[in-house]
Amino acid sequence: MSYLRIDNVSKTYRTGSKDVHAVTPLSVDIARGQIVTFLGPSGCGKTTLMRMVGGLETPTGGTISLDGATLCKPDRRRGMVFQSYAAFPWLTVAGNIKLALKYRSDLDASARQAAVTRLIDLVGLTGFDDSFTTQISGGMRQRVAIARTLAGDPDVLLMDEPFGALDALTREHLQNKLLEINAAENKTTIYVTHDVEDALYLAHRIIVFSARPACILEDIDVAEIFGDRPRDQTIRDDDAFLSLRKRVQAVIRREHMRAESKVAADAI
């Protein structure tokens, strides 16, 4: 059954006297607890669609609903993690997370402190509670951002290229951490990326978008393809993984070339 529903949603921007179509009317139904990756070439409109889900952009047409309720503006039910390390440098690791708990009226002081401890442990930062975010690495700051977002107890986690600026080993570590968090918290997650391997490794399902304006080219049930195989680094050498990577990369490459051709044609 659909939990997060994107129903015939489109987005058009007005730039001077010109309309720029970012997202064509499209529909996506997402089940509770799924990790769904939005995958496509840079500038295709996938982030715009995610921002509409988060309430940071208003659809030109269509509706977005969560558990049957139409979404119109940002609220605590949707938490966002961006590519930049959005941690407050004047606060410690624990202080960043406590700030997000400030408006949790459902928790008393002792429950908030317990939540801070639990979240620090969940993202693997035990022992760094009192460290300022200027004293830790970029990957650790991104973990702080994830923990702070989770502190609001959102139903939906929206992630926009959150590991894109990290080195390969740190990215792999945080991908595994995200899978652990999904298993522990059962958060419905939209993960925006242009990296095919990231999408295949993390997702239960991949939505492949065309070059702008975004339309859905493929909707791939990755969980069904991989079956019961564990999501660890060994799956990257699996025949099913390699075959699917080749197939999806071909689509992305084709769309990237189509976008470049359009830019060249528009410049003439």
C-alpha atoms as a PDB file:
ATOM      1  CA  MET A   1       0.000   0.000   0.000  1.00  0.00           C
ATOM      2  CA  SER A   2       1.233   3.511  -0.815  1.00  0.00           C
ATOM      3  CA  TYR A   3       2.573   5.451   2.176  1.00  0.00           C
ATOM      4  CA  LEU A   4       4.203   8.399   0.406  1.00  0.00           C
ATOM      5  CA  ARG A   5       2.335   9.304  -2.778  1.00  0.00           C
ATOM      6  CA  ILE A   6       3.579  11.635  -5.509  1.00  0.00           C
ATOM      7  CA  ASP A   7       0.523  12.089  -7.720  1.00  0.00           C
ATOM      8  CA  ASN A   8       0.880  13.651 -11.188  1.00  0.00           C
ATOM      9  CA  VAL A   9       3.383  16.204  -9.853  1.00  0.00           C
ATOM     10  CA  SER A  10       5.104  18.719 -12.141  1.00  0.00           C
ATOM     11  CA  LYS A  11       7.295  21.789 -11.733  1.00  0.00           C
ATOM     12  CA  THR A  12       7.807  24.733 -14.058  1.00  0.00           C
ATOM     13  CA  TYR A  13       9.928  27.784 -13.265  1.00  0.00           C
ATOM     14  CA  ARG A  14       9.444  31.189 -14.809  1.00  0.00           C
ATOM     15  CA  THR A  15      12.797  32.704 -15.844  1.00  0.00           C
ATOM     16  CA  GLY A  16      12.311  36.142 -17.356  1.00  0.00           C
ATOM     17  CA  SER A  17       9.942  35.596 -20.273  1.00  0.00           C
ATOM     18  CA  LYS A  18      10.759  31.882 -20.527  1.00  0.00           C
ATOM     19  CA  ASP A  19       9.214  28.851 -18.867  1.00  0.00           C
ATOM     20  CA  VAL A  20      11.706  26.231 -17.686  1.00  0.00           C
ATOM     21  CA  HIS A  21      10.149  22.791 -17.241  1.00  0.00           C
ATOM     22  CA  ALA A  22      12.017  20.959 -14.469  1.00  0.00           C
ATOM     23  CA  VAL A  23       9.664  18.030 -13.842  1.00  0.00           C
ATOM     24  CA  THR A  24       7.009  16.674 -16.194  1.00  0.00           C
ATOM     25  CA  PRO A  25       3.806  15.289 -14.619  1.00  0.00           C
ATOM     26  CA  LEU A  26       4.807  12.048 -12.898  1.00  0.00           C
ATOM     27  CA  SER A  27       3.574   9.724 -10.190  1.00  0.00           C
ATOM     28  CA  VAL A  28       5.426   7.564  -7.669  1.00  0.00           C
ATOM     29  CA  ASP A  29       4.048   5.453  -4.804  1.00  0.00           C
ATOM     30  CA  ILE A  30       6.502   4.621  -2.007  1.00  0.00           C
ATOM     31  CA  ALA A  31       5.890   2.030   0.708  1.00  0.00           C
ATOM     32  CA  ARG A  32       6.660   2.634   4.371  1.00  0.00           C
ATOM     33  CA  GLY A  33      10.259   1.796   5.280  1.00  0.00           C
ATOM     34  CA  GLN A  34      11.562   1.670   1.691  1.00  0.00           C
ATOM     35  CA  ILE A  35      14.852   3.243   0.637  1.00  0.00           C
ATOM     36  CA  VAL A  36      14.122   4.676  -2.807  1.00  0.00           C
ATOM     37  CA  THR A  37      16.884   6.316  -4.817  1.00  0.00           C
ATOM     38  CA  PHE A  38      16.173   9.046  -7.331  1.00  0.00           C
ATOM     39  CA  LEU A  39      18.840   8.482  -9.979  1.00  0.00           C
ATOM     40  CA  GLY A  40      19.554  10.537 -13.060  1.00  0.00           C
ATOM     41  CA  PRO A  41      22.027  12.844 -14.807  1.00  0.00           C
ATOM     42  CA  SER A  42      23.023  16.098 -13.111  1.00  0.00           C
ATOM     43  CA  GLY A  43      20.399  18.811 -13.497  1.00  0.00           C
ATOM     44  CA  CYS A  44      17.629  16.421 -14.469  1.00  0.00           C
ATOM     45  CA  GLY A  45      15.150  17.589 -11.810  1.00  0.00           C
ATOM     46  CA  LYS A  46      15.503  14.792  -9.238  1.00  0.00           C
ATOM     47  CA  THR A  47      16.516  17.178  -6.451  1.00  0.00           C
ATOM     48  CA  THR A  48      13.649  19.495  -7.369  1.00  0.00           C
ATOM     49  CA  LEU A  49      11.244  16.578  -6.948  1.00  0.00           C
ATOM     50  CA  MET A  50      12.773  15.677  -3.583  1.00  0.00           C
ATOM     51  CA  ARG A  51      12.507  19.317  -2.436  1.00  0.00           C
ATOM     52  CA  MET A  52       8.815  19.274  -3.375  1.00  0.00           C
ATOM     53  CA  VAL A  53       8.377  16.184  -1.194  1.00  0.00           C
ATOM     54  CA  GLY A  54      10.116  18.092   1.620  1.00  0.00           C
ATOM     55  CA  GLY A  55       7.919  21.157   1.186  1.00  0.00           C
ATOM     56  CA  LEU A  56      10.804  23.407   0.127  1.00  0.00           C
ATOM     57  CA  GLU A  57       9.366  23.772  -3.386  1.00  0.00           C
ATOM     58  CA  THR A  58       5.717  24.047  -4.409  1.00  0.00           C
ATOM     59  CA  PRO A  59       4.510  21.805  -7.241  1.00  0.00           C
ATOM     60  CA  THR A  60       3.147  23.566 -10.301  1.00  0.00           C
ATOM     61  CA  GLY A  61       0.661  20.732 -10.627  1.00  0.00           C
ATOM     62  CA  GLY A  62      -0.321  17.570  -8.786  1.00  0.00           C
ATOM     63  CA  THR A  63      -0.263  16.647  -5.106  1.00  0.00           C
ATOM     64  CA  ILE A  64       2.039  14.936  -2.614  1.00  0.00           C
ATOM     65  CA  SER A  65       0.598  13.073   0.358  1.00  0.00           C
ATOM     66  CA  LEU A  66       1.953  11.163   3.340  1.00  0.00           C
ATOM     67  CA  ASP A  67      -0.163   8.467   4.940  1.00  0.00           C
ATOM     68  CA  GLY A  68      -3.231   9.975   3.277  1.00  0.00           C
ATOM     69  CA  ALA A  69      -2.585  13.600   4.331  1.00  0.00           C
ATOM     70  CA  THR A  70      -1.710  16.172   1.643  1.00  0.00           C
ATOM     71  CA  LEU A  71       1.655  17.866   2.187  1.00  0.00           C
ATOM     72  CA  CYS A  72       1.836  21.624   1.611  1.00  0.00           C
ATOM     73  CA  LYS A  73       4.774  22.967   3.627  1.00  0.00           C
ATOM     74  CA  PRO A  74       7.767  21.701   5.633  1.00  0.00           C
ATOM     75  CA  ASP A  75       6.989  19.916   8.873  1.00  0.00           C
ATOM     76  CA  ARG A  76       8.650  17.576  11.379  1.00  0.00           C
ATOM     77  CA  ARG A  77       7.412  14.484   9.536  1.00  0.00           C
ATOM     78  CA  ARG A  78      10.065  15.033   6.873  1.00  0.00           C
ATOM     79  CA  GLY A  79      13.741  15.457   7.736  1.00  0.00           C
ATOM     80  CA  MET A  80      16.397  16.515   5.240  1.00  0.00           C
ATOM     81  CA  VAL A  81      20.130  15.787   4.983  1.00  0.00           C
ATOM     82  CA  PHE A  82      22.076  17.799   2.417  1.00  0.00           C
ATOM     83  CA  GLN A  83      25.432  17.313   0.715  1.00  0.00           C
ATOM     84  CA  SER A  84      27.038  20.114   2.725  1.00  0.00           C
ATOM     85  CA  TYR A  85      28.015  19.263   6.290  1.00  0.00           C
ATOM     86  CA  ALA A  86      25.222  21.195   8.000  1.00  0.00           C
ATOM     87  CA  ALA A  87      26.494  21.057  11.583  1.00  0.00           C
ATOM     88  CA  PHE A  88      26.673  24.107  13.848  1.00  0.00           C
ATOM     89  CA  PRO A  89      30.382  24.747  14.579  1.00  0.00           C
ATOM     90  CA  TRP A  90      29.762  26.529  17.895  1.00  0.00           C
ATOM     91  CA  LEU A  91      28.069  23.433  19.311  1.00  0.00           C
ATOM     92  CA  THR A  92      29.435  20.050  20.304  1.00  0.00           C
ATOM     93  CA  VAL A  93      28.266  16.808  18.709  1.00  0.00           C
ATOM     94  CA  ALA A  94      25.791  16.332  21.568  1.00  0.00           C
ATOM     95  CA  GLY A  95      24.808  20.003  21.425  1.00  0.00           C
ATOM     96  CA  ASN A  96      23.891  19.766  17.737  1.00  0.00           C
ATOM     97  CA  ILE A  97      21.577  16.842  18.446  1.00  0.00           C
ATOM     98  CA  LYS A  98      20.093  18.460  21.565  1.00  0.00           C
ATOM     99  CA  LEU A  99      19.186  21.520  19.494  1.00  0.00           C
ATOM    100  CA  ALA A 100      16.979  19.373  17.263  1.00  0.00           C
ATOM    101  CA  LEU A 101      15.241  17.970  20.348  1.00  0.00           C
ATOM    102  CA  LYS A 102      14.395  21.416  21.690  1.00  0.00           C
ATOM    103  CA  TYR A 103      10.860  21.387  20.307  1.00  0.00           C
ATOM    104  CA  ARG A 104      10.097  17.725  21.034  1.00  0.00           C
ATOM    105  CA  SER A 105       7.243  18.305  23.491  1.00  0.00           C
ATOM    106  CA  ASP A 106       6.701  14.551  23.626  1.00  0.00           C
ATOM    107  CA  LEU A 107       9.998  14.073  25.496  1.00  0.00           C
ATOM    108  CA  ASP A 108      10.954  15.210  28.993  1.00  0.00           C
ATOM    109  CA  ALA A 109      14.520  16.201  29.931  1.00  0.00           C
ATOM    110  CA  SER A 110      15.659  12.684  30.822  1.00  0.00           C
ATOM    111  CA  ALA A 111      14.144  11.220  27.635  1.00  0.00           C
ATOM    112  CA  ARG A 112      15.907  13.872  25.542  1.00  0.00           C
ATOM    113  CA  GLN A 113      19.254  13.013  27.100  1.00  0.00           C
ATOM    114  CA  ALA A 114      18.597   9.321  26.461  1.00  0.00           C
ATOM    115  CA  ALA A 115      17.738  10.152  22.839  1.00  0.00           C
ATOM    116  CA  VAL A 116      21.029  12.046  22.402  1.00  0.00           C
ATOM    117  CA  THR A 117      23.002   9.086  23.739  1.00  0.00           C
ATOM    118  CA  ARG A 118      21.094   6.611  21.562  1.00  0.00           C
ATOM    119  CA  LEU A 119      21.526   8.653  18.391  1.00  0.00           C
ATOM    120  CA  ILE A 120      25.232   9.258  18.980  1.00  0.00           C
ATOM    121  CA  ASP A 121      25.665   5.506  19.337  1.00  0.00           C
ATOM    122  CA  LEU A 122      23.444   4.823  16.287  1.00  0.00           C
ATOM    123  CA  VAL A 123      25.622   6.932  13.966  1.00  0.00           C
ATOM    124  CA  GLY A 124      28.863   5.612  15.468  1.00  0.00           C
ATOM    125  CA  LEU A 125      30.080   8.723  17.303  1.00  0.00           C
ATOM    126  CA  THR A 126      30.267   7.375  20.845  1.00  0.00           C
ATOM    127  CA  GLY A 127      33.125   9.097  22.649  1.00  0.00           C
ATOM    128  CA  PHE A 128      32.824  12.294  20.598  1.00  0.00           C
ATOM    129  CA  ASP A 129      29.850  13.731  22.523  1.00  0.00           C
ATOM    130  CA  ASP A 130      31.795  16.769  23.746  1.00  0.00           C
ATOM    131  CA  SER A 131      33.826  17.369  20.566  1.00  0.00           C
ATOM    132  CA  PHE A 132      33.043  20.497  18.587  1.00  0.00           C
ATOM    133  CA  THR A 133      32.207  19.856  14.952  1.00  0.00           C
ATOM    134  CA  THR A 134      35.273  21.858  13.910  1.00  0.00           C
ATOM    135  CA  GLN A 135      37.385  19.177  15.599  1.00  0.00           C
ATOM    136  CA  ILE A 136      36.041  16.173  13.662  1.00  0.00           C
ATOM    137  CA  SER A 137      36.244  14.985  10.057  1.00  0.00           C
ATOM    138  CA  GLY A 138      33.801  15.730   7.254  1.00  0.00           C
ATOM    139  CA  GLY A 139      32.379  12.228   7.395  1.00  0.00           C
ATOM    140  CA  MET A 140      31.809  12.554  11.127  1.00  0.00           C
ATOM    141  CA  ARG A 141      30.115  15.934  10.649  1.00  0.00           C
ATOM    142  CA  GLN A 142      27.784  14.324   8.151  1.00  0.00           C
ATOM    143  CA  ARG A 143      26.946  11.692  10.753  1.00  0.00           C
ATOM    144  CA  VAL A 144      26.116  14.525  13.145  1.00  0.00           C
ATOM    145  CA  ALA A 145      23.773  15.957  10.509  1.00  0.00           C
ATOM    146  CA  ILE A 146      22.059  12.582  10.114  1.00  0.00           C
ATOM    147  CA  ALA A 147      21.707  12.143  13.887  1.00  0.00           C
ATOM    148  CA  ARG A 148      20.320  15.665  14.249  1.00  0.00           C
ATOM    149  CA  THR A 149      17.767  14.991  11.507  1.00  0.00           C
ATOM    150  CA  LEU A 150      16.746  11.706  13.157  1.00  0.00           C
ATOM    151  CA  ALA A 151      16.364  13.525  16.472  1.00  0.00           C
ATOM    152  CA  GLY A 152      13.227  15.167  15.110  1.00  0.00           C
ATOM    153  CA  ASP A 153      11.791  11.665  14.608  1.00  0.00           C
ATOM    154  CA  PRO A 154      10.699  12.249  10.992  1.00  0.00           C
ATOM    155  CA  ASP A 155       8.608   9.668   9.189  1.00  0.00           C
ATOM    156  CA  VAL A 156      10.469  10.371   5.941  1.00  0.00           C
ATOM    157  CA  LEU A 157      14.209  10.937   5.522  1.00  0.00           C
ATOM    158  CA  LEU A 158      15.192  13.008   2.460  1.00  0.00           C
ATOM    159  CA  MET A 159      18.858  12.846   1.482  1.00  0.00           C
ATOM    160  CA  ASP A 160      20.356  14.968  -1.309  1.00  0.00           C
ATOM    161  CA  GLU A 161      23.769  13.590  -2.381  1.00  0.00           C
ATOM    162  CA  PRO A 162      24.703  13.327   1.319  1.00  0.00           C
ATOM    163  CA  PHE A 163      27.966  11.421   0.761  1.00  0.00           C
ATOM    164  CA  GLY A 164      28.982  12.978  -2.566  1.00  0.00           C
ATOM    165  CA  ALA A 165      31.836  15.086  -1.166  1.00  0.00           C
ATOM    166  CA  LEU A 166      33.414  12.252   0.828  1.00  0.00           C
ATOM    167  CA  ASP A 167      36.295   9.948  -0.060  1.00  0.00           C
ATOM    168  CA  ALA A 168      35.435   6.435  -1.249  1.00  0.00           C
ATOM    169  CA  LEU A 169      36.130   4.586   2.011  1.00  0.00           C
ATOM    170  CA  THR A 170      34.236   7.091   4.162  1.00  0.00           C
ATOM    171  CA  ARG A 171      31.338   6.971   1.704  1.00  0.00           C
ATOM    172  CA  GLU A 172      31.209   3.169   1.920  1.00  0.00           C
ATOM    173  CA  HIS A 173      31.250   3.330   5.713  1.00  0.00           C
ATOM    174  CA  LEU A 174      28.375   5.819   5.826  1.00  0.00           C
ATOM    175  CA  GLN A 175      26.384   3.830   3.267  1.00  0.00           C
ATOM    176  CA  ASN A 176      26.599   0.830   5.601  1.00  0.00           C
ATOM    177  CA  LYS A 177      25.637   3.076   8.504  1.00  0.00           C
ATOM    178  CA  LEU A 178      22.584   4.290   6.574  1.00  0.00           C
ATOM    179  CA  LEU A 179      21.500   0.681   5.975  1.00  0.00           C
ATOM    180  CA  GLU A 180      21.877   0.010   9.715  1.00  0.00           C
ATOM    181  CA  ILE A 181      19.805   3.099  10.512  1.00  0.00           C
ATOM    182  CA  ASN A 182      17.093   2.029   8.089  1.00  0.00           C
ATOM    183  CA  ALA A 183      16.961  -1.404   9.727  1.00  0.00           C
ATOM    184  CA  ALA A 184      16.837   0.120  13.224  1.00  0.00           C
ATOM    185  CA  GLU A 185      14.519   3.069  12.576  1.00  0.00           C
ATOM    186  CA  ASN A 186      12.432   1.842   9.590  1.00  0.00           C
ATOM    187  CA  LYS A 187      12.501   5.314   8.045  1.00  0.00           C
ATOM    188  CA  THR A 188      11.034   5.789   4.593  1.00  0.00           C
ATOM    189  CA  THR A 189      13.968   7.280   2.696  1.00  0.00           C
ATOM    190  CA  ILE A 190      14.420   9.131  -0.586  1.00  0.00           C
ATOM    191  CA  TYR A 191      18.094   9.231  -1.535  1.00  0.00           C
ATOM    192  CA  VAL A 192      19.024  11.507  -4.452  1.00  0.00           C
ATOM    193  CA  THR A 193      22.184  10.641  -6.370  1.00  0.00           C
ATOM    194  CA  HIS A 194      23.751  10.530  -9.822  1.00  0.00           C
ATOM    195  CA  ASP A 195      26.055   7.686  -8.741  1.00  0.00           C
ATOM    196  CA  VAL A 196      24.806   4.330 -10.056  1.00  0.00           C
ATOM    197  CA  GLU A 197      26.784   2.219  -7.558  1.00  0.00           C
ATOM    198  CA  ASP A 198      25.430   4.234  -4.627  1.00  0.00           C
ATOM    199  CA  ALA A 199      21.904   3.688  -5.883  1.00  0.00           C
ATOM    200  CA  LEU A 200      22.299  -0.056  -6.415  1.00  0.00           C
ATOM    201  CA  TYR A 201      24.008  -0.646  -3.087  1.00  0.00           C
ATOM    202  CA  LEU A 202      21.543   1.277  -0.940  1.00  0.00           C
ATOM    203  CA  ALA A 203      18.150   1.033  -2.571  1.00  0.00           C
ATOM    204  CA  HIS A 204      15.215  -1.251  -2.234  1.00  0.00           C
ATOM    205  CA  ARG A 205      14.040   0.492  -5.379  1.00  0.00           C
ATOM    206  CA  ILE A 206      15.541   2.815  -8.002  1.00  0.00           C
ATOM    207  CA  ILE A 207      13.628   5.459  -9.952  1.00  0.00           C
ATOM    208  CA  VAL A 208      15.667   6.401 -13.046  1.00  0.00           C
ATOM    209  CA  PHE A 209      14.907   9.849 -14.449  1.00  0.00           C
ATOM    210  CA  SER A 210      15.455  11.289 -17.899  1.00  0.00           C
ATOM    211  CA  ALA A 211      17.421  14.442 -18.612  1.00  0.00           C
ATOM    212  CA  ARG A 212      15.474  17.599 -17.772  1.00  0.00           C
ATOM    213  CA  PRO A 213      12.561  17.873 -17.681  1.00  0.00           C
ATOM    214  CA  ALA A 214      12.460  14.821 -15.437  1.00  0.00           C
ATOM    215  CA  CYS A 215      10.230  11.955 -16.410  1.00  0.00           C
ATOM    216  CA  ILE A 216      10.473   8.378 -15.157  1.00  0.00           C
ATOM    217  CA  LEU A 217      12.381   6.065 -17.499  1.00  0.00           C
ATOM    218  CA  GLU A 218      12.627   3.026 -15.227  1.00  0.00           C
ATOM    219  CA  ASP A 219      11.276   1.905 -11.873  1.00  0.00           C
ATOM    220  CA  ILE A 220      13.516  -0.971 -10.713  1.00  0.00           C
ATOM    221  CA  ASP A 221      12.735  -3.275  -7.796  1.00  0.00           C
ATOM    222  CA  VAL A 222      16.312  -3.833  -6.619  1.00  0.00           C
ATOM    223  CA  ALA A 223      15.248  -5.815  -3.552  1.00  0.00           C
ATOM    224  CA  GLU A 224      13.539  -8.379  -5.768  1.00  0.00           C
ATOM    225  CA  ILE A 225      16.560  -8.672  -8.078  1.00  0.00           C
ATOM    226  CA  PHE A 226      19.051  -9.171  -5.230  1.00  0.00           C
ATOM    227  CA  GLY A 227      16.745 -11.363  -3.165  1.00  0.00           C
ATOM    228  CA  ASP A 228      18.104 -12.359   0.248  1.00  0.00           C
ATOM    229  CA  ARG A 229      21.726 -11.495  -0.514  1.00  0.00           C
ATOM    230  CA  PRO A 230      23.146  -9.274   2.253  1.00  0.00           C
ATOM    231  CA  ARG A 231      23.929  -5.650   1.443  1.00  0.00           C
ATOM    232  CA  ASP A 232      27.640  -5.709   2.138  1.00  0.00           C
ATOM    233  CA  GLN A 233      30.656  -4.953  -0.039  1.00  0.00           C
ATOM    234  CA  THR A 234      30.680  -8.458  -1.542  1.00  0.00           C
ATOM    235  CA  ILE A 235      27.456  -7.744  -3.415  1.00  0.00           C
ATOM    236  CA  ARG A 236      29.334  -5.272  -5.632  1.00  0.00           C
ATOM    237  CA  ASP A 237      31.017  -8.285  -7.313  1.00  0.00           C
ATOM    238  CA  ASP A 238      27.764 -10.204  -7.706  1.00  0.00           C
ATOM    239  CA  ASP A 239      26.701 -10.943 -11.306  1.00  0.00           C
ATOM    240  CA  ALA A 240      23.241  -9.463 -10.703  1.00  0.00           C
ATOM    241  CA  PHE A 241      24.808  -6.253  -9.348  1.00  0.00           C
ATOM    242  CA  LEU A 242      27.232  -5.933 -12.255  1.00  0.00           C
ATOM    243  CA  SER A 243      24.549  -6.631 -14.847  1.00  0.00           C
ATOM    244  CA  LEU A 244      22.155  -4.103 -13.351  1.00  0.00           C
ATOM    245  CA  ARG A 245      24.919  -1.514 -13.023  1.00  0.00           C
ATOM    246  CA  LYS A 246      25.757  -1.895 -16.717  1.00  0.00           C
ATOM    247  CA  ARG A 247      22.110  -1.578 -17.716  1.00  0.00           C
ATOM    248  CA  VAL A 248      21.457   1.528 -15.613  1.00  0.00           C
ATOM    249  CA  GLN A 249      24.736   3.199 -16.568  1.00  0.00           C
ATOM    250  CA  ALA A 250      23.790   2.860 -20.223  1.00  0.00           C
ATOM    251  CA  VAL A 251      20.527   4.695 -19.584  1.00  0.00           C
ATOM    252  CA  ILE A 252      22.233   7.470 -17.595  1.00  0.00           C
ATOM    253  CA  ARG A 253      24.967   7.839 -20.222  1.00  0.00           C
ATOM    254  CA  ARG A 254      22.374   8.130 -22.980  1.00  0.00           C
ATOM    255  CA  GLU A 255      20.435  10.777 -21.055  1.00  0.00           C
ATOM    256  CA  HIS A 256      23.594  12.720 -20.254  1.00  0.00           C
ATOM    257  CA  MET A 257      24.511  12.819 -23.940  1.00  0.00           C
ATOM    258  CA  ARG A 258      20.968  13.878 -24.837  1.00  0.00           C
ATOM    259  CA  ALA A 259      21.148  16.733 -22.329  1.00  0.00           C
ATOM    260  CA  GLU A 260      24.493  17.894 -23.717  1.00  0.00           C
ATOM    261  CA  SER A 261      23.120  17.797 -27.273  1.00  0.00           C
ATOM    262  CA  LYS A 262      20.141  19.901 -26.209  1.00  0.00           C
ATOM    263  CA  VAL A 263      22.384  22.497 -24.558  1.00  0.00           C
ATOM    264  CA  ALA A 264      24.511  22.665 -27.719  1.00  0.00           C
ATOM    265  CA  ALA A 265      21.416  23.016 -29.918  1.00  0.00           C
ATOM    266  CA  ASP A 266      19.979  25.780 -27.708  1.00  0.00           C
ATOM    267  CA  ALA A 267      23.266  27.683 -27.929  1.00  0.00           C
ATOM    268  CA  ILE A 268      23.135  27.868 -31.722  1.00  0.00           C
END
